[in-house]
Protein backbone atom coordinates (compact mmCIF):
# COMPACT_ATOMS: atom_id res chain seq x y z
CA MET A 1 103.55 90.60 118.38
CA LYS A 2 100.43 92.29 120.06
CA ILE A 3 97.29 91.03 118.94
CA ILE A 4 94.47 93.70 120.17
CA VAL A 5 90.94 92.93 120.06
CA ASP A 6 87.99 94.54 121.06
CA ALA A 7 86.53 92.80 123.42
CA MET A 8 83.06 94.25 123.81
CA GLY A 9 82.40 93.71 119.76
CA GLY A 10 80.01 90.97 118.47
CA ASP A 11 76.71 90.15 119.43
CA GLU A 12 77.88 88.16 122.60
CA ALA A 13 80.48 90.19 124.16
CA PRO A 14 82.35 89.53 125.96
CA LYS A 15 81.35 86.00 126.19
CA ARG A 16 82.93 84.25 123.09
CA ILE A 17 85.48 87.47 122.45
CA VAL A 18 87.33 86.29 124.73
CA ASP A 19 86.67 82.10 124.33
CA GLY A 20 88.71 82.96 121.72
CA ALA A 21 91.04 85.37 122.75
CA VAL A 22 91.69 83.00 125.64
CA GLU A 23 92.90 80.05 123.66
CA ALA A 24 95.65 82.39 120.91
CA ALA A 25 96.57 83.60 124.27
CA ARG A 26 97.46 80.07 125.81
CA GLU A 27 99.18 79.50 122.22
CA PHE A 28 100.67 82.73 121.83
CA LEU A 29 102.46 81.68 125.95
CA SER A 30 105.41 79.42 124.54
CA GLN A 31 105.39 82.08 121.17
CA GLY A 32 106.24 85.24 122.64
CA HIS A 33 102.93 86.47 120.97
CA GLN A 34 99.93 88.73 123.44
CA VAL A 35 96.84 88.89 123.67
CA ILE A 36 95.37 93.10 124.86
CA LEU A 37 91.87 93.18 125.33
CA THR A 38 90.20 96.25 124.93
CA GLY A 39 86.98 97.05 127.03
CA HIS A 40 85.71 97.01 130.27
CA ARG A 41 87.87 95.00 132.56
CA ASP A 42 85.54 94.11 135.87
CA LYS A 43 82.99 92.49 132.51
CA ILE A 44 86.20 90.50 130.28
CA MET A 45 87.49 88.98 134.02
CA GLU A 46 84.97 87.20 134.61
CA GLU A 47 85.19 85.63 131.26
CA ILE A 48 88.76 85.33 130.95
CA ARG A 49 87.64 83.23 134.89
CA ARG A 50 85.15 81.28 133.73
CA CYS A 51 87.66 80.39 130.45
CA GLU A 52 90.73 79.36 133.50
CA GLY A 53 92.88 82.00 132.28
CA SER A 54 93.39 83.83 134.92
CA GLU A 55 97.19 82.47 134.11
CA LEU A 56 97.75 84.56 131.07
CA ILE A 57 97.14 88.14 133.01
CA GLY A 58 100.33 89.94 132.67
CA LYS A 59 102.69 87.25 130.26
CA SER A 60 100.44 86.64 126.78
CA MET A 61 97.36 88.16 127.48
CA GLU A 62 96.78 91.73 129.28
CA ILE A 63 94.22 94.20 129.27
CA VAL A 64 93.58 97.86 128.53
CA HIS A 65 90.33 99.22 130.62
CA THR A 66 87.95 101.13 128.05
CA ASP A 67 84.71 103.62 129.32
CA GLU A 68 82.73 103.09 126.81
CA VAL A 69 80.71 100.54 123.87
CA ILE A 70 80.28 100.93 120.54
CA GLY A 71 77.07 99.72 120.12
CA MET A 72 76.54 97.15 117.17
CA CYS A 73 73.29 99.93 115.46
CA GLU A 74 74.77 102.50 116.86
CA SER A 75 75.46 105.72 113.69
CA PRO A 76 79.62 104.98 112.96
CA THR A 77 79.80 109.37 112.30
CA THR A 78 78.35 109.56 116.08
CA ALA A 79 79.76 107.35 118.04
CA LEU A 80 82.99 108.46 116.35
CA ARG A 81 82.64 111.59 117.16
CA GLU A 82 81.38 112.06 121.01
CA LYS A 83 82.51 108.34 121.85
CA MET A 84 86.03 108.88 122.38
CA ARG A 85 87.12 106.33 125.06
CA SER A 86 85.15 102.44 123.72
CA SER A 87 86.97 100.02 123.34
CA ILE A 88 87.75 100.32 119.06
CA HIS A 89 88.97 103.94 119.39
CA ILE A 90 91.62 102.72 121.68
CA GLY A 91 92.69 99.94 120.34
CA ILE A 92 93.11 102.47 117.04
CA GLU A 93 95.04 104.28 118.71
CA MET A 94 97.04 101.64 120.68
CA VAL A 95 97.93 100.57 116.58
CA LYS A 96 98.65 103.90 115.75
CA ARG A 97 100.51 104.65 118.31
CA GLY A 98 102.64 101.36 117.84
CA GLU A 99 101.49 99.99 121.13
CA GLY A 100 100.06 97.19 119.12
CA ASP A 101 100.88 95.31 115.20
CA ALA A 102 96.75 95.28 115.10
CA LEU A 103 93.56 94.68 115.66
CA VAL A 104 90.36 92.44 115.67
CA SER A 105 87.45 93.70 116.08
CA MET A 106 83.76 91.49 115.63
CA GLY A 107 81.79 95.03 116.36
CA ASN A 108 79.93 97.19 114.19
CA THR A 109 81.82 97.37 110.58
CA GLY A 110 80.96 101.16 109.60
CA ALA A 111 82.50 102.28 113.63
CA VAL A 112 85.42 99.80 113.14
CA MET A 113 85.78 101.46 109.29
CA ALA A 114 85.40 104.60 110.56
CA CYS A 115 88.06 104.17 113.80
CA GLY A 116 90.09 102.75 111.58
CA LEU A 117 90.22 105.51 108.58
CA MET A 118 90.49 108.49 110.71
CA GLY A 119 93.09 106.82 113.31
CA LEU A 120 95.06 104.88 111.16
CA GLY A 121 94.54 106.91 107.73
CA ARG A 122 95.19 105.66 104.69
CA ILE A 123 98.51 104.10 103.11
CA GLU A 124 99.95 106.71 100.68
CA GLY A 125 99.08 106.31 97.38
CA VAL A 126 95.39 104.31 97.77
CA GLN A 127 92.52 106.47 97.55
CA ARG A 128 89.60 104.03 99.37
CA PRO A 129 90.65 101.60 101.32
CA THR A 130 88.15 98.42 100.74
CA ILE A 131 86.46 95.43 102.82
CA GLY A 132 86.08 92.35 101.17
CA ALA A 133 84.19 89.51 101.50
CA PHE A 134 85.27 85.04 101.06
CA PHE A 135 82.55 82.97 99.00
CA PRO A 136 83.43 79.49 98.54
CA THR A 137 83.45 78.21 94.34
CA ILE A 138 84.30 74.40 93.06
CA LYS A 139 87.63 75.74 92.90
CA GLY A 140 88.07 77.23 96.46
CA LYS A 141 87.27 80.60 97.89
CA SER A 142 87.17 83.79 96.03
CA LEU A 143 87.62 87.22 97.58
CA VAL A 144 84.70 89.48 96.25
CA LEU A 145 85.74 93.53 97.23
CA ASP A 146 84.05 95.68 97.64
CA VAL A 147 81.42 94.46 99.80
CA GLY A 148 80.22 97.88 101.30
CA ALA A 149 83.23 100.33 102.18
CA ASN A 150 82.32 102.54 98.73
CA VAL A 151 78.85 102.79 97.30
CA ASP A 152 80.40 105.19 94.77
CA SER A 153 83.44 104.24 93.46
CA LYS A 154 85.73 105.24 90.33
CA PRO A 155 87.59 103.19 87.53
CA VAL A 156 90.86 103.52 90.38
CA HIS A 157 89.49 102.85 93.30
CA LEU A 158 87.92 99.77 91.37
CA LEU A 159 91.87 98.97 89.98
CA GLN A 160 93.27 99.62 93.30
CA PHE A 161 91.00 96.64 95.39
CA GLY A 162 91.94 94.70 92.47
CA VAL A 163 95.36 95.48 93.49
CA MET A 164 94.71 94.98 97.46
CA GLY A 165 92.74 91.93 96.96
CA SER A 166 95.69 90.36 94.31
CA ILE A 167 98.32 91.00 96.49
CA TYR A 168 96.17 89.59 99.77
CA MET A 169 95.37 87.32 97.69
CA HIS A 170 99.09 85.78 96.36
CA ALA A 171 100.31 86.67 100.02
CA MET A 172 97.23 85.12 102.45
CA MET A 173 95.81 81.81 100.66
CA ASN A 174 99.21 81.19 98.64
CA ILE A 175 97.68 81.90 95.04
CA PRO A 176 100.99 82.51 92.80
CA SER A 177 98.76 84.92 90.58
CA PRO A 178 95.18 85.68 91.30
CA LYS A 179 93.31 85.78 88.37
CA VAL A 180 90.85 88.94 88.62
CA GLY A 181 87.85 89.02 87.68
CA LEU A 182 85.73 92.66 86.75
CA LEU A 183 82.08 91.90 87.90
CA SER A 184 79.38 93.17 84.64
CA VAL A 185 76.75 92.17 82.85
CA GLY A 186 78.50 90.17 80.49
CA GLU A 187 81.57 88.42 79.34
CA GLU A 188 82.45 90.81 76.61
CA ASP A 189 84.54 94.12 77.39
CA SER A 190 81.64 96.65 76.25
CA LYS A 191 78.71 94.96 78.49
CA GLY A 192 78.60 97.40 81.57
CA ASP A 193 77.90 100.42 82.72
CA ASN A 194 80.10 103.48 82.43
CA LEU A 195 82.03 102.97 85.87
CA THR A 196 82.55 98.86 84.19
CA ILE A 197 83.61 99.55 81.54
CA GLN A 198 86.00 102.78 82.09
CA ALA A 199 87.16 100.05 84.71
CA ASN A 200 87.51 97.27 82.06
CA GLN A 201 89.74 99.76 79.95
CA LEU A 202 91.89 100.76 83.26
CA PHE A 203 92.26 96.95 83.83
CA ARG A 204 93.54 96.76 80.53
CA GLU A 205 95.75 100.08 80.28
CA LYS A 206 97.93 99.41 83.85
CA GLN A 207 98.19 95.44 83.52
CA LEU A 208 99.10 95.70 87.58
CA PHE A 209 97.84 91.94 87.98
CA ASP A 210 96.22 88.89 85.88
CA PHE A 211 93.26 90.45 84.76
CA VAL A 212 91.19 88.31 83.29
CA GLY A 213 88.25 90.56 81.96
CA ASN A 214 84.78 90.92 83.21
CA VAL A 215 83.19 88.21 85.15
CA GLU A 216 79.11 87.67 85.72
CA GLY A 217 77.04 87.22 88.38
CA ARG A 218 77.06 83.52 88.27
CA ASP A 219 81.70 83.57 87.69
CA ILE A 220 82.13 83.95 91.18
CA LEU A 221 80.76 80.80 92.77
CA MET A 222 82.20 78.83 90.26
CA GLY A 223 85.43 80.34 90.81
CA SER A 224 86.46 82.05 87.47
CA SER A 225 88.52 84.49 89.82
CA ASP A 226 90.56 84.09 92.78
CA VAL A 227 88.89 87.88 93.05
CA VAL A 228 85.91 89.95 91.37
CA VAL A 229 86.06 93.84 91.56
CA CYS A 230 82.57 95.53 92.20
CA ASP A 231 81.27 98.90 93.70
CA GLY A 232 80.38 98.44 97.29
CA PHE A 233 76.77 98.71 96.75
CA VAL A 234 76.27 96.31 93.99
CA GLY A 235 78.77 93.23 96.50
CA ASN A 236 77.26 94.25 99.12
CA VAL A 237 73.56 93.16 97.75
CA ILE A 238 75.45 90.54 96.40
CA LEU A 239 77.05 89.22 100.15
CA LYS A 240 73.20 89.31 101.18
CA MET A 241 71.47 87.35 99.76
CA ALA A 242 74.45 84.55 100.09
CA GLU A 243 74.38 84.98 103.76
CA SER A 244 70.78 84.29 102.95
CA PHE A 245 71.38 81.48 100.50
CA VAL A 246 72.00 78.83 103.12
CA LYS A 247 69.52 79.05 105.64
CA VAL A 248 67.07 79.14 102.62
CA LEU A 249 68.43 76.38 101.52
CA GLN A 250 68.58 74.29 104.50
CA GLN A 251 65.26 74.82 105.57
CA LYS A 252 63.72 74.03 102.08
CA ILE A 253 66.12 70.42 101.79
CA GLY A 254 65.22 69.71 105.38
CA GLY A 255 61.57 70.41 105.11
CA PHE A 256 61.85 67.00 102.54
CA ALA A 257 63.97 65.27 104.61
CA GLN A 258 61.81 65.47 108.00
CA GLN A 259 59.36 64.41 105.76
CA ALA A 260 60.71 60.90 104.90
CA GLY A 261 61.30 59.98 109.38
CA ALA A 262 63.76 60.45 112.05
CA GLU A 263 67.01 59.37 110.33
CA ALA A 264 66.85 60.75 106.87
CA SER A 265 66.86 63.97 108.76
CA LYS A 266 69.57 62.49 110.48
CA THR A 267 71.53 61.54 107.93
CA PHE A 268 70.71 64.98 106.18
CA LYS A 269 72.13 67.66 108.48
CA GLU A 270 75.26 66.06 109.37
CA PHE A 271 75.70 66.02 104.46
CA PHE A 272 74.76 69.57 105.12
CA ALA A 273 76.18 70.62 107.97
CA LYS A 274 80.06 68.96 106.02
CA SER A 275 78.63 69.69 102.18
CA MET A 276 78.78 73.77 103.55
CA SER A 277 80.59 73.91 105.82
CA ASP A 278 82.98 76.40 103.05
CA TRP A 279 80.13 79.05 104.01
CA ASP A 280 80.88 78.46 107.51
CA TYR A 281 82.37 82.42 108.05
CA GLN A 282 83.68 81.07 111.22
CA SER A 283 86.20 79.17 109.29
CA HIS A 284 87.18 82.64 107.77
CA GLY A 285 87.71 84.58 111.86
CA GLY A 286 87.76 88.22 109.79
CA VAL A 287 88.85 89.98 106.29
CA PRO A 288 90.38 92.87 106.61
CA LEU A 289 90.49 95.90 105.96
CA LEU A 290 92.78 97.27 103.53
CA GLY A 291 94.29 100.01 102.59
CA VAL A 292 94.37 101.53 105.99
CA ASN A 293 97.37 102.31 107.09
CA GLY A 294 97.25 99.28 109.79
CA VAL A 295 96.43 96.01 109.99
CA VAL A 296 92.72 95.91 110.90
CA ILE A 297 90.69 92.34 110.66
CA ILE A 298 86.73 92.55 111.24
CA GLY A 299 84.81 89.39 111.51
CA HIS A 300 81.01 88.58 111.13
CA GLY A 301 78.99 90.65 114.88
CA SER A 302 77.93 86.72 115.50
CA SER A 303 81.35 85.29 115.34
CA SER A 304 82.91 82.95 118.07
CA GLY A 305 85.30 81.95 119.76
CA LYS A 306 86.48 79.47 117.22
CA ALA A 307 85.82 82.90 114.29
CA LEU A 308 87.25 85.28 116.71
CA TYR A 309 90.30 83.36 117.85
CA ARG A 310 91.41 82.12 113.56
CA ALA A 311 90.98 86.31 112.93
CA ILE A 312 93.50 86.55 115.51
CA HIS A 313 95.72 83.97 112.99
CA VAL A 314 94.51 86.22 110.29
CA ALA A 315 95.98 89.08 111.84
CA LYS A 316 98.78 87.59 112.61
CA GLU A 317 100.36 86.95 109.10
CA MET A 318 99.18 89.65 107.96
CA VAL A 319 101.77 90.94 110.15
CA GLU A 320 104.40 88.73 109.51
CA LYS A 321 104.21 88.50 105.93
CA LYS A 322 103.84 92.74 105.67
CA ILE A 323 101.12 92.75 103.78
CA ASN A 324 100.39 96.64 103.89
CA GLU A 325 104.42 97.44 102.38
CA VAL A 326 103.97 95.04 99.43
CA ILE A 327 100.14 97.52 98.83
CA ARG A 328 102.89 100.38 98.76
CA GLU A 329 105.02 99.70 96.72
CA LYS A 330 102.38 97.84 94.54
CA ILE A 331 99.90 100.92 94.41
CA LYS A 332 102.33 103.65 93.20
CA LEU A 333 101.47 102.23 90.00
CA SER A 334 98.56 102.57 89.48
């Protein structure tokens, strides 16, 4: 298996990207798999030497030189049109040609999504690809989707998000029958805007997954469902608020701990790190762009080498479990 990694994507690329890629390549050496890095060859090699991974080149690691880089703040449409030799674009093209089994990128999310959709196309029957985010719950974790790819969804789009999310959680998280909830302003079927009410009716009519009905915002962290479906506008607001939650909580409680003395402050830091570890996106690695005709994993721009390493394994597992093939068959029923 060949996992293509966008070496130039991320806030500290290619340094952090190579950290994780070298770790994965060392592991792949005995498994017959390969990590292919796309990006500026000289800059990548410099980081590989720093990681003492030069011996992996030609074995479990390769470099494909690209001339251009899509910045984290660049317009996806502009990048798609003007930077055809970018590390993202070349990586997607390699997956399309069968020269790689999956792409992993911690780069510009919009650009990865646009390149993935335009380069690989949709799985037959999928109307809108979707991207989700994992939220820790008191029972484990929940996948919320969509979180920004689609801000003008229709009921059938939400139905397909539920189908794809359910398949992913079943295959990747080993949940026999994932519970799917529809985010609304009340638990009753009659609550919500027109989109939510119509989607609720469609979910119940099609019966393509274990639909538990409407769920409210407070239910996400309580773990009432394994998959939470919503429009991308709402999902993105939830995601951005959640990202600030841990920082605010740490600063608030940390301030009180400092007032209590150095020993209390040290104890707090240790306690906080352990108790909030589930909120660390590094442990998830990345999330899939579900619905495109290929495996694409997108990670956080500030990801560490640990997160990149994990994302590579998420991509590998998706390929092994043939998740896109399962989606292709199930989506026909929607």
